[in-house]
Amino acid sequence: KILNKKPTYNEFIVKCPNINGLIRECKKLNILPPLQVSTYYPELSDVVLVCVTELNSNISIEKFIKAAKLAIKVDEEGSN
């Protein structure tokens, strides 16, 4: 879930219930995972900072989306 609905430049924050799963899936797909915001703001334990620029290829963006979907799926399956 994107938390800021206003226009952004290159970075945006996303609420992610399975941050560890997202980071794990990104590493499996050999892409740089998002920053865990809780490293700097412990109260935001379920938020990541995602950065996308013109240097990111469509393939790498698609890989990130795949990683996010896999992390969400794992989280939903684990919740049952």
PDB file of N, CA and C in Angstrom:
ATOM      1  N   LYS A   1       0.851  -1.171   0.000  1.00  0.00           N
ATOM      2  CA  LYS A   1       0.000   0.000   0.000  1.00  0.00           C
ATOM      3  C   LYS A   1       0.896   1.232   0.000  1.00  0.00           C
ATOM      4  N   ILE A   2       0.752   2.087  -1.003  1.00  0.00           N
ATOM      5  CA  ILE A   2       1.512   3.333  -1.061  1.00  0.00           C
ATOM      6  C   ILE A   2       0.900   4.295  -0.052  1.00  0.00           C
ATOM      7  N   LEU A   3       1.747   4.850   0.831  1.00  0.00           N
ATOM      8  CA  LEU A   3       1.234   5.687   1.907  1.00  0.00           C
ATOM      9  C   LEU A   3       1.038   7.143   1.515  1.00  0.00           C
ATOM     10  N   ASN A   4       1.827   7.648   0.593  1.00  0.00           N
ATOM     11  CA  ASN A   4       1.736   9.047   0.197  1.00  0.00           C
ATOM     12  C   ASN A   4       1.104   9.121  -1.187  1.00  0.00           C
ATOM     13  N   LYS A   5      -0.072   9.669  -1.278  1.00  0.00           N
ATOM     14  CA  LYS A   5      -0.790   9.745  -2.558  1.00  0.00           C
ATOM     15  C   LYS A   5      -0.395  10.978  -3.373  1.00  0.00           C
ATOM     16  N   LYS A   6       0.458  11.827  -2.812  1.00  0.00           N
ATOM     17  CA  LYS A   6       0.889  13.039  -3.516  1.00  0.00           C
ATOM     18  C   LYS A   6       1.994  12.689  -4.508  1.00  0.00           C
ATOM     19  N   PRO A   7       2.229  13.551  -5.489  1.00  0.00           N
ATOM     20  CA  PRO A   7       3.317  13.298  -6.445  1.00  0.00           C
ATOM     21  C   PRO A   7       4.668  13.181  -5.725  1.00  0.00           C
ATOM     22  N   THR A   8       5.501  12.306  -6.234  1.00  0.00           N
ATOM     23  CA  THR A   8       6.845  12.130  -5.679  1.00  0.00           C
ATOM     24  C   THR A   8       7.862  12.281  -6.795  1.00  0.00           C
ATOM     25  N   TYR A   9       9.126  12.334  -6.403  1.00  0.00           N
ATOM     26  CA  TYR A   9      10.187  12.450  -7.404  1.00  0.00           C
ATOM     27  C   TYR A   9      10.679  11.055  -7.773  1.00  0.00           C
ATOM     28  N   ASN A  10      11.564  10.493  -6.991  1.00  0.00           N
ATOM     29  CA  ASN A  10      12.089   9.149  -7.271  1.00  0.00           C
ATOM     30  C   ASN A  10      11.779   8.149  -6.168  1.00  0.00           C
ATOM     31  N   GLU A  11      11.379   8.637  -5.019  1.00  0.00           N
ATOM     32  CA  GLU A  11      11.210   7.764  -3.865  1.00  0.00           C
ATOM     33  C   GLU A  11       9.789   7.845  -3.339  1.00  0.00           C
ATOM     34  N   PHE A  12       9.317   6.718  -2.808  1.00  0.00           N
ATOM     35  CA  PHE A  12       8.005   6.705  -2.172  1.00  0.00           C
ATOM     36  C   PHE A  12       8.002   5.633  -1.102  1.00  0.00           C
ATOM     37  N   ILE A  13       7.143   5.817  -0.101  1.00  0.00           N
ATOM     38  CA  ILE A  13       7.076   4.854   0.992  1.00  0.00           C
ATOM     39  C   ILE A  13       5.871   3.941   0.795  1.00  0.00           C
ATOM     40  N   VAL A  14       6.080   2.692   1.185  1.00  0.00           N
ATOM     41  CA  VAL A  14       5.064   1.660   0.992  1.00  0.00           C
ATOM     42  C   VAL A  14       4.913   0.882   2.291  1.00  0.00           C
ATOM     43  N   LYS A  15       3.667   0.668   2.693  1.00  0.00           N
ATOM     44  CA  LYS A  15       3.395  -0.191   3.839  1.00  0.00           C
ATOM     45  C   LYS A  15       3.429  -1.630   3.351  1.00  0.00           C
ATOM     46  N   CYS A  16       4.228  -2.442   4.010  1.00  0.00           N
ATOM     47  CA  CYS A  16       4.426  -3.826   3.573  1.00  0.00           C
ATOM     48  C   CYS A  16       4.361  -4.743   4.795  1.00  0.00           C
ATOM     49  N   PRO A  17       3.360  -5.601   4.872  1.00  0.00           N
ATOM     50  CA  PRO A  17       3.224  -6.468   6.044  1.00  0.00           C
ATOM     51  C   PRO A  17       4.306  -7.544   6.143  1.00  0.00           C
ATOM     52  N   ASN A  18       5.003  -7.822   5.055  1.00  0.00           N
ATOM     53  CA  ASN A  18       6.018  -8.883   5.049  1.00  0.00           C
ATOM     54  C   ASN A  18       7.335  -8.338   4.491  1.00  0.00           C
ATOM     55  N   ILE A  19       7.941  -7.409   5.223  1.00  0.00           N
ATOM     56  CA  ILE A  19       9.171  -6.769   4.754  1.00  0.00           C
ATOM     57  C   ILE A  19      10.290  -7.787   4.576  1.00  0.00           C
ATOM     58  N   ASN A  20      10.453  -8.679   5.536  1.00  0.00           N
ATOM     59  CA  ASN A  20      11.526  -9.675   5.421  1.00  0.00           C
ATOM     60  C   ASN A  20      11.336 -10.550   4.190  1.00  0.00           C
ATOM     61  N   GLY A  21      10.091 -10.905   3.897  1.00  0.00           N
ATOM     62  CA  GLY A  21       9.807 -11.691   2.696  1.00  0.00           C
ATOM     63  C   GLY A  21      10.117 -10.916   1.431  1.00  0.00           C
ATOM     64  N   LEU A  22       9.783  -9.627   1.420  1.00  0.00           N
ATOM     65  CA  LEU A  22      10.071  -8.785   0.257  1.00  0.00           C
ATOM     66  C   LEU A  22      11.573  -8.691   0.024  1.00  0.00           C
ATOM     67  N   ILE A  23      12.324  -8.457   1.083  1.00  0.00           N
ATOM     68  CA  ILE A  23      13.783  -8.362   0.953  1.00  0.00           C
ATOM     69  C   ILE A  23      14.361  -9.689   0.467  1.00  0.00           C
ATOM     70  N   ARG A  24      13.871 -10.782   1.014  1.00  0.00           N
ATOM     71  CA  ARG A  24      14.342 -12.115   0.606  1.00  0.00           C
ATOM     72  C   ARG A  24      14.052 -12.361  -0.876  1.00  0.00           C
ATOM     73  N   GLU A  25      12.842 -12.032  -1.319  1.00  0.00           N
ATOM     74  CA  GLU A  25      12.481 -12.242  -2.726  1.00  0.00           C
ATOM     75  C   GLU A  25      13.299 -11.345  -3.650  1.00  0.00           C
ATOM     76  N   CYS A  26      13.564 -10.118  -3.238  1.00  0.00           N
ATOM     77  CA  CYS A  26      14.403  -9.220  -4.050  1.00  0.00           C
ATOM     78  C   CYS A  26      15.801  -9.808  -4.216  1.00  0.00           C
ATOM     79  N   LYS A  27      16.352 -10.307  -3.127  1.00  0.00           N
ATOM     80  CA  LYS A  27      17.694 -10.896  -3.199  1.00  0.00           C
ATOM     81  C   LYS A  27      17.706 -12.124  -4.107  1.00  0.00           C
ATOM     82  N   LYS A  28      16.651 -12.944  -4.037  1.00  0.00           N
ATOM     83  CA  LYS A  28      16.562 -14.118  -4.913  1.00  0.00           C
ATOM     84  C   LYS A  28      16.560 -13.713  -6.384  1.00  0.00           C
ATOM     85  N   LEU A  29      15.908 -12.580  -6.685  1.00  0.00           N
ATOM     86  CA  LEU A  29      15.805 -12.104  -8.068  1.00  0.00           C
ATOM     87  C   LEU A  29      16.965 -11.187  -8.450  1.00  0.00           C
ATOM     88  N   ASN A  30      17.932 -11.062  -7.541  1.00  0.00           N
ATOM     89  CA  ASN A  30      19.141 -10.273  -7.778  1.00  0.00           C
ATOM     90  C   ASN A  30      18.834  -8.795  -8.060  1.00  0.00           C
ATOM     91  N   ILE A  31      17.909  -8.241  -7.272  1.00  0.00           N
ATOM     92  CA  ILE A  31      17.634  -6.808  -7.362  1.00  0.00           C
ATOM     93  C   ILE A  31      17.803  -6.187  -5.978  1.00  0.00           C
ATOM     94  N   LEU A  32      18.148  -4.923  -5.954  1.00  0.00           N
ATOM     95  CA  LEU A  32      18.361  -4.207  -4.702  1.00  0.00           C
ATOM     96  C   LEU A  32      17.028  -4.046  -3.976  1.00  0.00           C
ATOM     97  N   PRO A  33      16.941  -4.537  -2.738  1.00  0.00           N
ATOM     98  CA  PRO A  33      15.673  -4.417  -2.015  1.00  0.00           C
ATOM     99  C   PRO A  33      15.450  -2.992  -1.521  1.00  0.00           C
ATOM    100  N   PRO A  34      14.218  -2.667  -1.161  1.00  0.00           N
ATOM    101  CA  PRO A  34      13.939  -1.334  -0.624  1.00  0.00           C
ATOM    102  C   PRO A  34      14.552  -1.172   0.765  1.00  0.00           C
ATOM    103  N   LEU A  35      14.632   0.062   1.207  1.00  0.00           N
ATOM    104  CA  LEU A  35      15.187   0.386   2.523  1.00  0.00           C
ATOM    105  C   LEU A  35      14.132   0.157   3.598  1.00  0.00           C
ATOM    106  N   GLN A  36      14.510  -0.543   4.653  1.00  0.00           N
ATOM    107  CA  GLN A  36      13.618  -0.705   5.799  1.00  0.00           C
ATOM    108  C   GLN A  36      13.628   0.606   6.579  1.00  0.00           C
ATOM    109  N   VAL A  37      12.527   1.308   6.597  1.00  0.00           N
ATOM    110  CA  VAL A  37      12.443   2.604   7.268  1.00  0.00           C
ATOM    111  C   VAL A  37      12.667   2.458   8.771  1.00  0.00           C
ATOM    112  N   SER A  38      12.328   1.307   9.331  1.00  0.00           N
ATOM    113  CA  SER A  38      12.485   1.087  10.774  1.00  0.00           C
ATOM    114  C   SER A  38      13.938   1.171  11.226  1.00  0.00           C
ATOM    115  N   THR A  39      14.876   1.075  10.293  1.00  0.00           N
ATOM    116  CA  THR A  39      16.288   1.258  10.633  1.00  0.00           C
ATOM    117  C   THR A  39      16.500   2.639  11.245  1.00  0.00           C
ATOM    118  N   TYR A  40      15.753   3.616  10.765  1.00  0.00           N
ATOM    119  CA  TYR A  40      15.882   4.998  11.226  1.00  0.00           C
ATOM    120  C   TYR A  40      14.688   5.458  12.060  1.00  0.00           C
ATOM    121  N   TYR A  41      13.532   4.842  11.849  1.00  0.00           N
ATOM    122  CA  TYR A  41      12.306   5.180  12.571  1.00  0.00           C
ATOM    123  C   TYR A  41      11.659   3.887  13.060  1.00  0.00           C
ATOM    124  N   PRO A  42      12.059   3.407  14.246  1.00  0.00           N
ATOM    125  CA  PRO A  42      11.581   2.107  14.737  1.00  0.00           C
ATOM    126  C   PRO A  42      10.058   1.969  14.784  1.00  0.00           C
ATOM    127  N   GLU A  43       9.345   3.069  14.929  1.00  0.00           N
ATOM    128  CA  GLU A  43       7.886   3.002  15.005  1.00  0.00           C
ATOM    129  C   GLU A  43       7.248   2.664  13.653  1.00  0.00           C
ATOM    130  N   LEU A  44       8.021   2.740  12.578  1.00  0.00           N
ATOM    131  CA  LEU A  44       7.518   2.419  11.235  1.00  0.00           C
ATOM    132  C   LEU A  44       8.031   1.042  10.804  1.00  0.00           C
ATOM    133  N   SER A  45       7.692   0.050  11.585  1.00  0.00           N
ATOM    134  CA  SER A  45       8.245  -1.293  11.376  1.00  0.00           C
ATOM    135  C   SER A  45       7.716  -1.995  10.129  1.00  0.00           C
ATOM    136  N   ASP A  46       6.631  -1.500   9.557  1.00  0.00           N
ATOM    137  CA  ASP A  46       6.057  -2.160   8.379  1.00  0.00           C
ATOM    138  C   ASP A  46       6.100  -1.265   7.140  1.00  0.00           C
ATOM    139  N   VAL A  47       7.119  -0.393   7.070  1.00  0.00           N
ATOM    140  CA  VAL A  47       7.226   0.566   5.970  1.00  0.00           C
ATOM    141  C   VAL A  47       8.593   0.438   5.299  1.00  0.00           C
ATOM    142  N   VAL A  48       8.596   0.480   3.970  1.00  0.00           N
ATOM    143  CA  VAL A  48       9.848   0.483   3.204  1.00  0.00           C
ATOM    144  C   VAL A  48       9.880   1.710   2.297  1.00  0.00           C
ATOM    145  N   LEU A  49      11.088   2.117   1.956  1.00  0.00           N
ATOM    146  CA  LEU A  49      11.299   3.219   1.026  1.00  0.00           C
ATOM    147  C   LEU A  49      11.756   2.627  -0.300  1.00  0.00           C
ATOM    148  N   VAL A  50      11.005   2.896  -1.348  1.00  0.00           N
ATOM    149  CA  VAL A  50      11.300   2.382  -2.686  1.00  0.00           C
ATOM    150  C   VAL A  50      11.807   3.540  -3.533  1.00  0.00           C
ATOM    151  N   CYS A  51      12.872   3.297  -4.276  1.00  0.00           N
ATOM    152  CA  CYS A  51      13.433   4.317  -5.160  1.00  0.00           C
ATOM    153  C   CYS A  51      13.464   3.778  -6.587  1.00  0.00           C
ATOM    154  N   VAL A  52      12.949   4.580  -7.505  1.00  0.00           N
ATOM    155  CA  VAL A  52      12.941   4.214  -8.920  1.00  0.00           C
ATOM    156  C   VAL A  52      13.382   5.429  -9.721  1.00  0.00           C
ATOM    157  N   THR A  53      14.336   5.223 -10.624  1.00  0.00           N
ATOM    158  CA  THR A  53      14.795   6.316 -11.482  1.00  0.00           C
ATOM    159  C   THR A  53      14.771   5.855 -12.936  1.00  0.00           C
ATOM    160  N   GLU A  54      15.175   6.764 -13.802  1.00  0.00           N
ATOM    161  CA  GLU A  54      15.248   6.433 -15.229  1.00  0.00           C
ATOM    162  C   GLU A  54      16.327   5.388 -15.511  1.00  0.00           C
ATOM    163  N   LEU A  55      17.197   5.143 -14.543  1.00  0.00           N
ATOM    164  CA  LEU A  55      18.239   4.130 -14.719  1.00  0.00           C
ATOM    165  C   LEU A  55      17.717   2.711 -14.484  1.00  0.00           C
ATOM    166  N   ASN A  56      16.547   2.590 -13.861  1.00  0.00           N
ATOM    167  CA  ASN A  56      15.954   1.275 -13.661  1.00  0.00           C
ATOM    168  C   ASN A  56      15.291   0.818 -14.957  1.00  0.00           C
ATOM    169  N   SER A  57      15.637  -0.373 -15.379  1.00  0.00           N
ATOM    170  CA  SER A  57      15.027  -0.917 -16.598  1.00  0.00           C
ATOM    171  C   SER A  57      13.620  -1.421 -16.293  1.00  0.00           C
ATOM    172  N   ASN A  58      12.833  -1.565 -17.326  1.00  0.00           N
ATOM    173  CA  ASN A  58      11.496  -2.147 -17.154  1.00  0.00           C
ATOM    174  C   ASN A  58      11.595  -3.545 -16.566  1.00  0.00           C
ATOM    175  N   ILE A  59      12.631  -4.274 -16.955  1.00  0.00           N
ATOM    176  CA  ILE A  59      12.817  -5.636 -16.443  1.00  0.00           C
ATOM    177  C   ILE A  59      13.048  -5.615 -14.939  1.00  0.00           C
ATOM    178  N   SER A  60      13.902  -4.704 -14.453  1.00  0.00           N
ATOM    179  CA  SER A  60      14.162  -4.658 -13.012  1.00  0.00           C
ATOM    180  C   SER A  60      12.918  -4.210 -12.244  1.00  0.00           C
ATOM    181  N   ILE A  61      12.138  -3.309 -12.815  1.00  0.00           N
ATOM    182  CA  ILE A  61      10.892  -2.883 -12.167  1.00  0.00           C
ATOM    183  C   ILE A  61       9.905  -4.046 -12.128  1.00  0.00           C
ATOM    184  N   GLU A  62       9.811  -4.800 -13.206  1.00  0.00           N
ATOM    185  CA  GLU A  62       8.933  -5.975 -13.235  1.00  0.00           C
ATOM    186  C   GLU A  62       9.394  -7.027 -12.226  1.00  0.00           C
ATOM    187  N   LYS A  63      10.711  -7.183 -12.066  1.00  0.00           N
ATOM    188  CA  LYS A  63      11.238  -8.116 -11.062  1.00  0.00           C
ATOM    189  C   LYS A  63      10.829  -7.678  -9.659  1.00  0.00           C
ATOM    190  N   PHE A  64      10.904  -6.367  -9.398  1.00  0.00           N
ATOM    191  CA  PHE A  64      10.504  -5.868  -8.079  1.00  0.00           C
ATOM    192  C   PHE A  64       9.021  -6.135  -7.829  1.00  0.00           C
ATOM    193  N   ILE A  65       8.196  -5.893  -8.818  1.00  0.00           N
ATOM    194  CA  ILE A  65       6.760  -6.154  -8.678  1.00  0.00           C
ATOM    195  C   ILE A  65       6.522  -7.637  -8.403  1.00  0.00           C
ATOM    196  N   LYS A  66       7.257  -8.497  -9.096  1.00  0.00           N
ATOM    197  CA  LYS A  66       7.144  -9.943  -8.864  1.00  0.00           C
ATOM    198  C   LYS A  66       7.538 -10.276  -7.427  1.00  0.00           C
ATOM    199  N   ALA A  67       8.638  -9.691  -6.946  1.00  0.00           N
ATOM    200  CA  ALA A  67       9.089  -9.935  -5.573  1.00  0.00           C
ATOM    201  C   ALA A  67       8.027  -9.486  -4.574  1.00  0.00           C
ATOM    202  N   ALA A  68       7.423  -8.327  -4.820  1.00  0.00           N
ATOM    203  CA  ALA A  68       6.388  -7.819  -3.919  1.00  0.00           C
ATOM    204  C   ALA A  68       5.177  -8.749  -3.905  1.00  0.00           C
ATOM    205  N   LYS A  69       4.768  -9.208  -5.074  1.00  0.00           N
ATOM    206  CA  LYS A  69       3.621 -10.122  -5.149  1.00  0.00           C
ATOM    207  C   LYS A  69       3.918 -11.434  -4.430  1.00  0.00           C
ATOM    208  N   LEU A  70       5.133 -11.951  -4.594  1.00  0.00           N
ATOM    209  CA  LEU A  70       5.509 -13.192  -3.909  1.00  0.00           C
ATOM    210  C   LEU A  70       5.512 -13.000  -2.400  1.00  0.00           C
ATOM    211  N   ALA A  71       6.025 -11.864  -1.932  1.00  0.00           N
ATOM    212  CA  ALA A  71       6.059 -11.588  -0.494  1.00  0.00           C
ATOM    213  C   ALA A  71       4.648 -11.470   0.069  1.00  0.00           C
ATOM    214  N   ILE A  72       3.756 -10.822  -0.676  1.00  0.00           N
ATOM    215  CA  ILE A  72       2.363 -10.689  -0.235  1.00  0.00           C
ATOM    216  C   ILE A  72       1.694 -12.062  -0.189  1.00  0.00           C
ATOM    217  N   LYS A  73       1.947 -12.875  -1.209  1.00  0.00           N
ATOM    218  CA  LYS A  73       1.355 -14.219  -1.263  1.00  0.00           C
ATOM    219  C   LYS A  73       1.821 -15.056  -0.078  1.00  0.00           C
ATOM    220  N   VAL A  74       3.115 -15.014   0.214  1.00  0.00           N
ATOM    221  CA  VAL A  74       3.660 -15.773   1.342  1.00  0.00           C
ATOM    222  C   VAL A  74       3.035 -15.287   2.642  1.00  0.00           C
ATOM    223  N   ASP A  75       2.891 -13.961   2.786  1.00  0.00           N
ATOM    224  CA  ASP A  75       2.296 -13.406   3.997  1.00  0.00           C
ATOM    225  C   ASP A  75       0.840 -13.845   4.140  1.00  0.00           C
ATOM    226  N   GLU A  76       0.079 -13.808   3.049  1.00  0.00           N
ATOM    227  CA  GLU A  76      -1.330 -14.216   3.096  1.00  0.00           C
ATOM    228  C   GLU A  76      -1.467 -15.699   3.404  1.00  0.00           C
ATOM    229  N   GLU A  77      -0.597 -16.517   2.842  1.00  0.00           N
ATOM    230  CA  GLU A  77      -0.646 -17.957   3.112  1.00  0.00           C
ATOM    231  C   GLU A  77      -0.263 -18.243   4.554  1.00  0.00           C
ATOM    232  N   GLY A  78       0.677 -17.464   5.076  1.00  0.00           N
ATOM    233  CA  GLY A  78       1.095 -17.642   6.462  1.00  0.00           C
ATOM    234  C   GLY A  78       0.048 -17.178   7.453  1.00  0.00           C
ATOM    235  N   SER A  79      -0.841 -16.277   7.015  1.00  0.00           N
ATOM    236  CA  SER A  79      -1.883 -15.744   7.896  1.00  0.00           C
ATOM    237  C   SER A  79      -3.045 -16.704   8.067  1.00  0.00           C
ATOM    238  N   ASN A  80      -3.180 -17.673   7.164  1.00  0.00           N
ATOM    239  CA  ASN A  80      -4.319 -18.604   7.213  1.00  0.00           C
ATOM    240  C   ASN A  80      -4.134 -19.655   8.269  1.00  0.00           C
TER     241      ASN A  80
END
